[in-house]
Every structure is written in C-alpha cells, then in structure tokens.
C-alpha cells in the first residue's frame, strides 16, 4: 500500500512538473512573439532610422578625429629627418589636413540636405 501512495505521489509530482514546464514554454513563446512584433514595428520607425543614421555619422566623425590626431602627431618624431624630408612631411601633413577638413565639411553638410529633403516631401 505504501508503494501505491509513493507511486501516486511521484506521478503527481511528475505531472505537475511537466505541466509547469509546458506552461512556462508556452509563456516564453508568447513573450518571444510579442518581442518580435514590437521589434518589427520599431524597425520601420522613423526615429530608429534617424538613430541609425546618427550612429553612422558619429562613427564617421570619430574616424575623422582619429585621422586628425594621427596626422598632427605624424611629425612628432621628425627630429632625425633631413630638411628636405621635413619639408615634404610638412607639405604632406598640410595636404592631409585639408583632405580631412574637406571630409568633415562634407559630413557636416549632409544632414542639411537630408533635412531639406524631409521638408520637401
């Protein structure tokens, strides 16, 4: 008789555990579906598109700033160069500085064009 009660108790525990796991899995599936739906709705949001554009421009500007720092530091170890090499290095640095500033101006003017396009729609 004791084995019957023990067997019934084990079966009840197993069924309870199985039902809990089933309901938990079903809840996770519904939560995943809700998250996917929200992500799909947000992915076409104009705010998300604008945020992605700003992140890209931020990365571009960070790279330009890095280029500026590297360009300015390029002559820091120029004490062992000849005068002709120093002059070439200074000219190269000056031309690279102009290129970097030109790229920065291009990046800074890009949002003006996109903003004017938004208002023309």
N, C-alpha and C. Protein backbone atom coordinates (compact mmCIF):
# COMPACT_ATOMS: atom_id res chain seq x y z
N UNK A 1 0.82 -1.18 0.00
CA UNK A 1 0.00 0.00 0.00
C UNK A 1 0.87 1.25 0.00
N UNK A 2 1.98 1.17 0.71
CA UNK A 2 2.90 2.31 0.78
C UNK A 2 3.47 2.62 -0.60
N UNK A 3 3.76 1.55 -1.37
CA UNK A 3 4.31 1.74 -2.70
C UNK A 3 3.30 2.39 -3.63
N UNK A 4 2.04 2.11 -3.46
CA UNK A 4 0.99 2.72 -4.27
C UNK A 4 0.93 4.23 -4.01
N UNK A 5 0.97 4.63 -2.74
CA UNK A 5 0.95 6.05 -2.40
C UNK A 5 2.22 6.75 -2.89
N UNK A 6 3.33 6.07 -2.76
CA UNK A 6 4.59 6.63 -3.24
C UNK A 6 4.57 6.80 -4.75
N UNK A 7 4.05 5.81 -5.44
CA UNK A 7 3.95 5.86 -6.91
C UNK A 7 3.01 6.98 -7.33
N UNK A 8 1.85 7.10 -6.65
CA UNK A 8 0.90 8.17 -6.98
C UNK A 8 1.51 9.55 -6.70
N UNK A 9 2.25 9.67 -5.63
CA UNK A 9 2.90 10.95 -5.30
C UNK A 9 3.95 11.31 -6.35
N UNK A 10 4.73 10.31 -6.78
CA UNK A 10 5.73 10.57 -7.82
C UNK A 10 5.07 10.95 -9.14
N UNK A 11 3.98 10.27 -9.49
CA UNK A 11 3.25 10.60 -10.72
C UNK A 11 2.67 12.02 -10.64
N UNK A 12 2.12 12.38 -9.50
CA UNK A 12 1.56 13.72 -9.33
C UNK A 12 2.67 14.77 -9.43
N UNK A 13 3.82 14.49 -8.83
CA UNK A 13 4.94 15.44 -8.93
C UNK A 13 5.41 15.56 -10.38
N UNK A 14 5.51 14.44 -11.08
CA UNK A 14 5.95 14.46 -12.47
C UNK A 14 4.97 15.23 -13.34
N UNK A 15 3.67 14.98 -13.14
CA UNK A 15 2.65 15.69 -13.94
C UNK A 15 2.66 17.18 -13.63
N UNK A 16 2.84 17.54 -12.38
CA UNK A 16 2.92 18.96 -12.00
C UNK A 16 4.15 19.61 -12.64
N UNK A 17 5.27 18.93 -12.57
CA UNK A 17 6.49 19.45 -13.17
C UNK A 17 6.33 19.60 -14.69
N UNK A 18 5.75 18.58 -15.33
CA UNK A 18 5.56 18.63 -16.78
C UNK A 18 4.59 19.75 -17.17
N UNK A 19 3.51 19.90 -16.44
CA UNK A 19 2.55 20.97 -16.74
C UNK A 19 3.20 22.34 -16.54
N UNK A 20 4.00 22.48 -15.51
CA UNK A 20 4.71 23.75 -15.28
C UNK A 20 5.67 24.07 -16.39
N UNK A 21 6.41 23.07 -16.84
CA UNK A 21 7.34 23.29 -17.96
C UNK A 21 6.58 23.64 -19.23
N UNK A 22 5.46 22.98 -19.48
CA UNK A 22 4.66 23.26 -20.68
C UNK A 22 4.14 24.70 -20.65
N UNK A 23 3.59 25.10 -19.52
CA UNK A 23 3.06 26.45 -19.42
C UNK A 23 4.18 27.49 -19.49
N UNK A 24 5.33 27.18 -18.91
CA UNK A 24 6.47 28.08 -18.98
C UNK A 24 6.96 28.24 -20.42
N UNK A 25 7.04 27.14 -21.15
CA UNK A 25 7.47 27.20 -22.55
C UNK A 25 6.46 27.98 -23.39
N UNK A 26 5.20 27.77 -23.12
CA UNK A 26 4.16 28.49 -23.86
C UNK A 26 4.25 29.99 -23.57
N UNK A 27 4.50 30.35 -22.32
CA UNK A 27 4.65 31.76 -21.94
C UNK A 27 5.85 32.38 -22.63
N UNK A 28 6.98 31.65 -22.65
CA UNK A 28 8.18 32.16 -23.33
C UNK A 28 7.92 32.35 -24.82
N UNK A 29 7.19 31.43 -25.44
CA UNK A 29 6.87 31.55 -26.86
C UNK A 29 6.02 32.78 -27.13
N UNK A 30 5.04 33.02 -26.28
CA UNK A 30 4.19 34.21 -26.46
C UNK A 30 5.01 35.48 -26.24
N UNK A 31 5.88 35.50 -25.23
CA UNK A 31 6.73 36.67 -25.00
C UNK A 31 7.67 36.91 -26.17
N UNK A 32 8.21 35.85 -26.75
CA UNK A 32 9.10 35.98 -27.90
C UNK A 32 8.33 36.55 -29.09
N UNK A 33 7.12 36.08 -29.31
CA UNK A 33 6.30 36.59 -30.41
C UNK A 33 5.99 38.07 -30.21
N UNK A 34 5.68 38.45 -28.98
CA UNK A 34 5.41 39.87 -28.69
C UNK A 34 6.66 40.71 -28.93
N UNK A 35 7.82 40.24 -28.47
CA UNK A 35 9.07 40.97 -28.68
C UNK A 35 9.39 41.11 -30.16
N UNK A 36 9.18 40.04 -30.94
CA UNK A 36 9.43 40.11 -32.38
C UNK A 36 8.49 41.11 -33.05
N UNK A 37 7.23 41.13 -32.63
CA UNK A 37 6.26 42.06 -33.20
C UNK A 37 6.66 43.50 -32.88
N UNK A 38 7.06 43.75 -31.64
CA UNK A 38 7.48 45.09 -31.25
C UNK A 38 8.74 45.49 -32.03
N UNK A 39 9.69 44.59 -32.17
CA UNK A 39 10.92 44.88 -32.91
C UNK A 39 10.61 45.17 -34.37
N UNK A 40 9.68 44.43 -34.95
CA UNK A 40 9.30 44.66 -36.35
C UNK A 40 8.66 46.04 -36.51
N UNK A 41 7.80 46.41 -35.57
CA UNK A 41 7.14 47.72 -35.64
C UNK A 41 8.15 48.85 -35.45
N UNK A 42 9.10 48.66 -34.54
CA UNK A 42 10.08 49.70 -34.27
C UNK A 42 11.10 49.80 -35.39
N UNK A 43 11.38 48.70 -36.08
CA UNK A 43 12.42 48.72 -37.11
C UNK A 43 12.06 49.64 -38.27
N UNK A 44 10.80 49.88 -38.50
CA UNK A 44 10.39 50.78 -39.58
C UNK A 44 10.08 52.18 -39.05
N UNK A 45 10.35 52.38 -37.78
CA UNK A 45 10.08 53.67 -37.16
C UNK A 45 11.05 54.72 -37.69
N UNK A 46 10.56 55.93 -37.99
CA UNK A 46 11.46 56.99 -38.45
C UNK A 46 12.49 57.37 -37.38
N UNK A 47 12.14 57.21 -36.12
CA UNK A 47 13.10 57.52 -35.06
C UNK A 47 14.26 56.54 -35.09
N UNK A 48 13.98 55.26 -35.31
CA UNK A 48 15.04 54.26 -35.37
C UNK A 48 15.92 54.49 -36.59
N UNK A 49 15.33 54.86 -37.72
CA UNK A 49 16.11 55.13 -38.92
C UNK A 49 17.01 56.34 -38.69
N UNK A 50 16.48 57.37 -38.05
CA UNK A 50 17.28 58.56 -37.75
C UNK A 50 18.40 58.22 -36.77
N UNK A 51 18.11 57.38 -35.79
CA UNK A 51 19.13 56.97 -34.82
C UNK A 51 20.25 56.21 -35.51
N UNK A 52 19.91 55.32 -36.43
CA UNK A 52 20.94 54.57 -37.16
C UNK A 52 21.80 55.52 -38.00
N UNK A 53 21.18 56.52 -38.61
CA UNK A 53 21.92 57.49 -39.41
C UNK A 53 22.88 58.29 -38.52
N UNK A 54 22.39 58.70 -37.34
CA UNK A 54 23.23 59.45 -36.42
C UNK A 54 24.39 58.61 -35.90
N UNK A 55 24.15 57.32 -35.64
CA UNK A 55 25.23 56.44 -35.20
C UNK A 55 26.30 56.32 -36.28
N UNK A 56 25.86 56.22 -37.53
CA UNK A 56 26.82 56.12 -38.64
C UNK A 56 27.64 57.40 -38.75
N UNK A 57 26.97 58.55 -38.68
CA UNK A 57 27.69 59.82 -38.77
C UNK A 57 28.62 60.01 -37.58
N UNK A 58 28.22 59.54 -36.41
CA UNK A 58 29.08 59.61 -35.23
C UNK A 58 30.35 58.80 -35.46
N UNK A 59 30.21 57.63 -36.03
CA UNK A 59 31.38 56.80 -36.33
C UNK A 59 32.29 57.46 -37.34
N UNK A 60 31.69 58.08 -38.37
CA UNK A 60 32.49 58.76 -39.38
C UNK A 60 33.27 59.92 -38.76
N UNK A 61 32.59 60.70 -37.92
CA UNK A 61 33.27 61.84 -37.28
C UNK A 61 34.36 61.36 -36.32
N UNK A 62 34.11 60.27 -35.63
CA UNK A 62 35.14 59.71 -34.73
C UNK A 62 36.37 59.30 -35.55
N UNK A 63 36.16 58.68 -36.70
CA UNK A 63 37.28 58.29 -37.55
C UNK A 63 38.03 59.52 -38.06
N UNK A 64 37.28 60.57 -38.40
CA UNK A 64 37.93 61.80 -38.87
C UNK A 64 38.77 62.43 -37.75
N UNK A 65 38.24 62.43 -36.53
CA UNK A 65 39.02 62.97 -35.41
C UNK A 65 40.28 62.15 -35.16
N UNK A 66 40.16 60.84 -35.28
CA UNK A 66 41.33 59.97 -35.12
C UNK A 66 42.36 60.28 -36.20
N UNK A 67 41.90 60.47 -37.45
CA UNK A 67 42.80 60.82 -38.53
C UNK A 67 43.49 62.15 -38.26
N UNK A 68 42.74 63.13 -37.73
CA UNK A 68 43.34 64.43 -37.42
C UNK A 68 44.45 64.29 -36.38
N UNK A 69 44.18 63.53 -35.33
CA UNK A 69 45.18 63.36 -34.27
C UNK A 69 46.40 62.64 -34.82
N UNK A 70 46.20 61.60 -35.60
CA UNK A 70 47.34 60.87 -36.16
C UNK A 70 48.13 61.75 -37.12
N UNK A 71 47.41 62.58 -37.89
CA UNK A 71 48.09 63.45 -38.84
C UNK A 71 48.93 64.49 -38.11
N UNK A 72 48.40 65.07 -37.04
CA UNK A 72 49.14 66.08 -36.30
C UNK A 72 50.33 65.47 -35.56
N UNK A 73 50.20 64.22 -35.17
CA UNK A 73 51.29 63.56 -34.44
C UNK A 73 52.32 62.95 -35.38
N UNK A 74 52.10 63.04 -36.69
CA UNK A 74 52.99 62.38 -37.63
C UNK A 74 54.39 62.99 -37.64
N UNK A 75 54.53 64.26 -37.29
CA UNK A 75 55.86 64.89 -37.28
C UNK A 75 56.47 64.97 -35.88
N UNK A 76 55.88 64.32 -34.93
CA UNK A 76 56.40 64.39 -33.57
C UNK A 76 57.79 63.75 -33.46
N UNK A 77 58.06 62.75 -34.28
CA UNK A 77 59.34 62.05 -34.22
C UNK A 77 60.21 62.43 -35.42
N UNK A 78 60.08 63.65 -35.86
CA UNK A 78 60.77 64.08 -37.08
C UNK A 78 62.12 64.73 -36.79
N UNK A 79 62.69 64.56 -35.63
CA UNK A 79 63.95 65.23 -35.29
C UNK A 79 65.13 64.67 -36.08
N UNK A 80 65.05 63.46 -36.55
CA UNK A 80 66.17 62.83 -37.26
C UNK A 80 66.06 62.98 -38.78
N UNK A 81 65.09 63.73 -39.27
CA UNK A 81 64.89 63.88 -40.71
C UNK A 81 65.76 65.01 -41.26
N UNK A 82 66.04 64.90 -42.55
CA UNK A 82 66.75 66.00 -43.21
C UNK A 82 65.76 67.12 -43.47
N UNK A 83 66.27 68.28 -43.85
CA UNK A 83 65.40 69.45 -44.08
C UNK A 83 64.44 69.21 -45.24
N UNK A 84 64.90 68.54 -46.29
CA UNK A 84 64.04 68.26 -47.45
C UNK A 84 62.93 67.29 -47.06
N UNK A 85 63.30 66.27 -46.26
CA UNK A 85 62.29 65.31 -45.81
C UNK A 85 61.27 65.97 -44.89
N UNK A 86 61.76 66.89 -44.03
CA UNK A 86 60.84 67.60 -43.15
C UNK A 86 59.87 68.46 -43.94
N UNK A 87 60.40 69.14 -44.97
CA UNK A 87 59.54 69.99 -45.80
C UNK A 87 58.48 69.14 -46.51
N UNK A 88 58.89 67.98 -47.05
CA UNK A 88 57.92 67.08 -47.70
C UNK A 88 56.89 66.58 -46.70
N UNK A 89 57.34 66.24 -45.51
CA UNK A 89 56.42 65.75 -44.48
C UNK A 89 55.43 66.83 -44.06
N UNK A 90 55.91 68.06 -43.95
CA UNK A 90 55.02 69.17 -43.58
C UNK A 90 54.01 69.42 -44.69
N UNK A 91 54.48 69.39 -45.95
CA UNK A 91 53.53 69.56 -47.07
C UNK A 91 52.51 68.43 -47.10
N UNK A 92 52.98 67.21 -46.86
CA UNK A 92 52.07 66.06 -46.84
C UNK A 92 51.06 66.19 -45.71
N UNK A 93 51.53 66.61 -44.55
CA UNK A 93 50.64 66.79 -43.41
C UNK A 93 49.61 67.88 -43.68
N UNK A 94 50.05 68.97 -44.30
CA UNK A 94 49.14 70.07 -44.61
C UNK A 94 48.08 69.63 -45.62
N UNK A 95 48.50 68.90 -46.65
CA UNK A 95 47.52 68.44 -47.64
C UNK A 95 46.56 67.43 -47.02
N UNK A 96 47.07 66.56 -46.15
CA UNK A 96 46.18 65.60 -45.48
C UNK A 96 45.21 66.31 -44.55
N UNK A 97 45.67 67.38 -43.87
CA UNK A 97 44.79 68.16 -43.01
C UNK A 97 43.66 68.77 -43.83
N UNK A 98 43.99 69.29 -45.02
CA UNK A 98 42.95 69.85 -45.90
C UNK A 98 41.95 68.78 -46.33
N UNK A 99 42.45 67.59 -46.65
CA UNK A 99 41.56 66.49 -47.03
C UNK A 99 40.62 66.13 -45.88
N UNK A 100 41.15 66.05 -44.68
CA UNK A 100 40.34 65.68 -43.52
C UNK A 100 39.28 66.73 -43.25
N UNK A 101 39.68 68.01 -43.31
CA UNK A 101 38.70 69.07 -43.10
C UNK A 101 37.64 69.06 -44.19
N UNK A 102 38.03 68.76 -45.42
CA UNK A 102 37.05 68.66 -46.51
C UNK A 102 36.06 67.54 -46.26
N UNK A 103 36.56 66.40 -45.80
CA UNK A 103 35.67 65.28 -45.47
C UNK A 103 34.74 65.64 -44.32
N UNK A 104 35.28 66.34 -43.32
CA UNK A 104 34.45 66.75 -42.18
C UNK A 104 33.36 67.71 -42.63
N UNK A 105 33.69 68.64 -43.50
CA UNK A 105 32.68 69.57 -44.01
C UNK A 105 31.60 68.82 -44.80
N UNK A 106 32.02 67.84 -45.57
CA UNK A 106 31.05 67.05 -46.34
C UNK A 106 30.10 66.32 -45.40
N UNK A 107 30.64 65.73 -44.34
CA UNK A 107 29.80 65.02 -43.38
C UNK A 107 28.87 66.00 -42.65
N UNK A 108 29.38 67.16 -42.30
CA UNK A 108 28.56 68.13 -41.58
C UNK A 108 27.47 68.73 -42.45
N UNK A 109 27.68 68.81 -43.74
CA UNK A 109 26.65 69.37 -44.64
C UNK A 109 25.62 68.33 -45.06
N UNK A 110 25.92 67.07 -44.90
CA UNK A 110 24.99 66.01 -45.30
C UNK A 110 23.66 66.08 -44.57
N UNK A 111 23.60 66.30 -43.25
CA UNK A 111 22.30 66.38 -42.58
C UNK A 111 21.44 67.54 -43.07
N UNK A 112 22.07 68.63 -43.52
CA UNK A 112 21.29 69.74 -44.04
C UNK A 112 20.52 69.31 -45.28
N UNK A 113 21.17 68.52 -46.13
CA UNK A 113 20.48 68.05 -47.33
C UNK A 113 19.37 67.08 -46.99
N UNK A 114 19.61 66.17 -46.06
CA UNK A 114 18.57 65.19 -45.70
C UNK A 114 17.41 65.88 -44.99
N UNK A 115 17.69 66.90 -44.17
CA UNK A 115 16.62 67.64 -43.52
C UNK A 115 15.79 68.41 -44.53
N UNK A 116 16.46 68.99 -45.55
CA UNK A 116 15.70 69.71 -46.56
C UNK A 116 14.86 68.75 -47.39
N UNK A 117 15.34 67.52 -47.59
CA UNK A 117 14.54 66.52 -48.30
C UNK A 117 13.31 66.14 -47.50
N UNK A 118 13.44 66.04 -46.19
CA UNK A 118 12.31 65.66 -45.36
C UNK A 118 11.20 66.70 -45.45
N UNK A 119 11.55 67.98 -45.51
CA UNK A 119 10.55 69.02 -45.56
C UNK A 119 9.93 69.17 -46.93
N UNK A 120 10.61 68.71 -47.97
CA UNK A 120 10.07 68.81 -49.32
C UNK A 120 9.06 67.72 -49.63
N UNK A 121 8.98 66.72 -48.81
CA UNK A 121 8.08 65.59 -49.08
C UNK A 121 6.65 65.99 -48.89
